[in-house]
Amino acid sequence: MGLLGWAILCFILAVISGLLGFTGIAAGFMVVARVLFAIFLIGFLILVVLLILGIGIAAG
């Protein structure tokens, strides 16, 4: 499972645990989901910029 998959999984677990009343656990899952999504987004943007500049494997 990739980074985005883990972020989505943490988000789903946060929603479920929040609905069940485990607000502390839900907050923890949301922090993890945000961090993983931010890392994914930064990596994606770096790869897009490299592709636009013609640097990387896909430009070959």
N, C-alpha and C. Protein backbone atom coordinates (compact mmCIF):
# COMPACT_ATOMS: atom_id res chain seq x y z
N MET A 1 0.86 -1.17 0.00
CA MET A 1 0.00 0.00 0.00
C MET A 1 0.90 1.23 0.00
N GLY A 2 0.59 2.18 -0.85
CA GLY A 2 1.39 3.38 -0.97
C GLY A 2 1.09 4.39 0.11
N LEU A 3 1.76 5.50 0.04
CA LEU A 3 1.64 6.56 1.04
C LEU A 3 0.23 7.13 1.07
N LEU A 4 -0.34 7.36 -0.11
CA LEU A 4 -1.70 7.89 -0.17
C LEU A 4 -2.71 6.88 0.39
N GLY A 5 -2.47 5.61 0.14
CA GLY A 5 -3.36 4.58 0.69
C GLY A 5 -3.36 4.56 2.21
N TRP A 6 -2.17 4.71 2.79
CA TRP A 6 -2.09 4.76 4.25
C TRP A 6 -2.79 6.00 4.80
N ALA A 7 -2.66 7.13 4.10
CA ALA A 7 -3.32 8.35 4.54
C ALA A 7 -4.84 8.19 4.51
N ILE A 8 -5.34 7.57 3.44
CA ILE A 8 -6.79 7.34 3.33
C ILE A 8 -7.26 6.37 4.41
N LEU A 9 -6.48 5.33 4.67
CA LEU A 9 -6.83 4.38 5.72
C LEU A 9 -6.90 5.05 7.09
N CYS A 10 -5.93 5.91 7.40
CA CYS A 10 -5.95 6.62 8.68
C CYS A 10 -7.14 7.55 8.77
N PHE A 11 -7.49 8.20 7.66
CA PHE A 11 -8.67 9.07 7.65
C PHE A 11 -9.94 8.27 7.92
N ILE A 12 -10.08 7.13 7.28
CA ILE A 12 -11.27 6.29 7.48
C ILE A 12 -11.34 5.81 8.93
N LEU A 13 -10.21 5.38 9.47
CA LEU A 13 -10.19 4.94 10.87
C LEU A 13 -10.50 6.09 11.82
N ALA A 14 -10.07 7.31 11.48
CA ALA A 14 -10.39 8.47 12.31
C ALA A 14 -11.89 8.75 12.30
N VAL A 15 -12.50 8.66 11.13
CA VAL A 15 -13.94 8.90 11.04
C VAL A 15 -14.72 7.85 11.82
N ILE A 16 -14.34 6.59 11.66
CA ILE A 16 -15.04 5.50 12.35
C ILE A 16 -14.88 5.63 13.86
N SER A 17 -13.64 5.88 14.32
CA SER A 17 -13.43 5.99 15.76
C SER A 17 -14.10 7.24 16.32
N GLY A 18 -14.19 8.30 15.53
CA GLY A 18 -14.91 9.50 15.96
C GLY A 18 -16.40 9.24 16.11
N LEU A 19 -16.95 8.48 15.16
CA LEU A 19 -18.38 8.15 15.24
C LEU A 19 -18.69 7.26 16.43
N LEU A 20 -17.72 6.42 16.81
CA LEU A 20 -17.93 5.53 17.95
C LEU A 20 -17.62 6.19 19.29
N GLY A 21 -17.14 7.43 19.25
CA GLY A 21 -16.91 8.17 20.49
C GLY A 21 -15.48 8.17 20.99
N PHE A 22 -14.58 7.58 20.26
CA PHE A 22 -13.18 7.56 20.67
C PHE A 22 -12.48 8.79 20.08
N THR A 23 -12.75 9.95 20.68
CA THR A 23 -12.27 11.19 20.09
C THR A 23 -10.76 11.34 20.18
N GLY A 24 -10.14 10.83 21.23
CA GLY A 24 -8.69 10.91 21.35
C GLY A 24 -7.98 10.11 20.27
N ILE A 25 -8.48 8.91 20.02
CA ILE A 25 -7.91 8.07 18.98
C ILE A 25 -8.17 8.68 17.61
N ALA A 26 -9.36 9.26 17.42
CA ALA A 26 -9.69 9.91 16.15
C ALA A 26 -8.76 11.07 15.87
N ALA A 27 -8.44 11.84 16.90
CA ALA A 27 -7.52 12.97 16.72
C ALA A 27 -6.13 12.48 16.33
N GLY A 28 -5.69 11.41 16.95
CA GLY A 28 -4.39 10.85 16.60
C GLY A 28 -4.34 10.35 15.17
N PHE A 29 -5.38 9.66 14.74
CA PHE A 29 -5.44 9.19 13.36
C PHE A 29 -5.46 10.34 12.37
N MET A 30 -6.15 11.43 12.73
CA MET A 30 -6.21 12.58 11.83
C MET A 30 -4.84 13.25 11.68
N VAL A 31 -4.09 13.30 12.77
CA VAL A 31 -2.73 13.86 12.69
C VAL A 31 -1.87 13.02 11.77
N VAL A 32 -1.94 11.71 11.93
CA VAL A 32 -1.15 10.81 11.08
C VAL A 32 -1.59 10.95 9.63
N ALA A 33 -2.89 11.01 9.38
CA ALA A 33 -3.40 11.13 8.01
C ALA A 33 -2.94 12.44 7.38
N ARG A 34 -2.97 13.53 8.13
CA ARG A 34 -2.52 14.82 7.60
C ARG A 34 -1.04 14.80 7.25
N VAL A 35 -0.24 14.24 8.13
CA VAL A 35 1.21 14.19 7.88
C VAL A 35 1.51 13.33 6.65
N LEU A 36 0.89 12.16 6.55
CA LEU A 36 1.13 11.29 5.41
C LEU A 36 0.67 11.94 4.11
N PHE A 37 -0.48 12.61 4.15
CA PHE A 37 -0.97 13.26 2.95
C PHE A 37 -0.07 14.43 2.56
N ALA A 38 0.44 15.16 3.53
CA ALA A 38 1.35 16.27 3.24
C ALA A 38 2.63 15.76 2.59
N ILE A 39 3.18 14.67 3.12
CA ILE A 39 4.38 14.09 2.53
C ILE A 39 4.10 13.63 1.10
N PHE A 40 2.96 12.98 0.89
CA PHE A 40 2.58 12.54 -0.45
C PHE A 40 2.45 13.73 -1.39
N LEU A 41 1.79 14.78 -0.94
CA LEU A 41 1.55 15.95 -1.79
C LEU A 41 2.85 16.65 -2.15
N ILE A 42 3.75 16.79 -1.19
CA ILE A 42 5.05 17.42 -1.46
C ILE A 42 5.85 16.58 -2.47
N GLY A 43 5.88 15.28 -2.28
CA GLY A 43 6.57 14.40 -3.22
C GLY A 43 5.97 14.47 -4.61
N PHE A 44 4.65 14.51 -4.69
CA PHE A 44 3.98 14.59 -5.98
C PHE A 44 4.31 15.90 -6.69
N LEU A 45 4.28 17.00 -5.95
CA LEU A 45 4.58 18.29 -6.56
C LEU A 45 6.03 18.37 -7.03
N ILE A 46 6.95 17.79 -6.27
CA ILE A 46 8.35 17.76 -6.69
C ILE A 46 8.49 16.96 -7.98
N LEU A 47 7.83 15.83 -8.07
CA LEU A 47 7.90 15.02 -9.29
C LEU A 47 7.29 15.73 -10.49
N VAL A 48 6.20 16.46 -10.28
CA VAL A 48 5.59 17.21 -11.39
C VAL A 48 6.52 18.30 -11.87
N VAL A 49 7.14 19.02 -10.95
CA VAL A 49 8.08 20.08 -11.33
C VAL A 49 9.26 19.48 -12.08
N LEU A 50 9.80 18.37 -11.61
CA LEU A 50 10.91 17.73 -12.31
C LEU A 50 10.51 17.27 -13.70
N LEU A 51 9.30 16.79 -13.83
CA LEU A 51 8.82 16.35 -15.14
C LEU A 51 8.67 17.54 -16.08
N ILE A 52 8.15 18.66 -15.58
CA ILE A 52 7.99 19.85 -16.40
C ILE A 52 9.34 20.38 -16.85
N LEU A 53 10.32 20.34 -15.95
CA LEU A 53 11.66 20.83 -16.29
C LEU A 53 12.43 19.84 -17.17
N GLY A 54 11.91 18.66 -17.35
CA GLY A 54 12.56 17.67 -18.20
C GLY A 54 13.63 16.87 -17.49
N ILE A 55 13.59 16.87 -16.18
CA ILE A 55 14.57 16.13 -15.38
C ILE A 55 13.86 14.90 -14.83
N GLY A 56 14.37 13.72 -15.12
CA GLY A 56 13.78 12.52 -14.55
C GLY A 56 13.64 11.41 -15.56
N ILE A 57 13.16 10.31 -15.11
CA ILE A 57 13.05 9.11 -15.93
C ILE A 57 11.96 9.27 -16.99
N ALA A 58 10.84 9.91 -16.62
CA ALA A 58 9.71 10.00 -17.53
C ALA A 58 10.02 10.88 -18.75
N ALA A 59 11.00 11.76 -18.61
CA ALA A 59 11.32 12.65 -19.73
C ALA A 59 12.09 11.95 -20.83
N GLY A 60 12.75 10.81 -20.50
CA GLY A 60 13.62 10.08 -21.39
C GLY A 60 13.11 9.83 -22.73
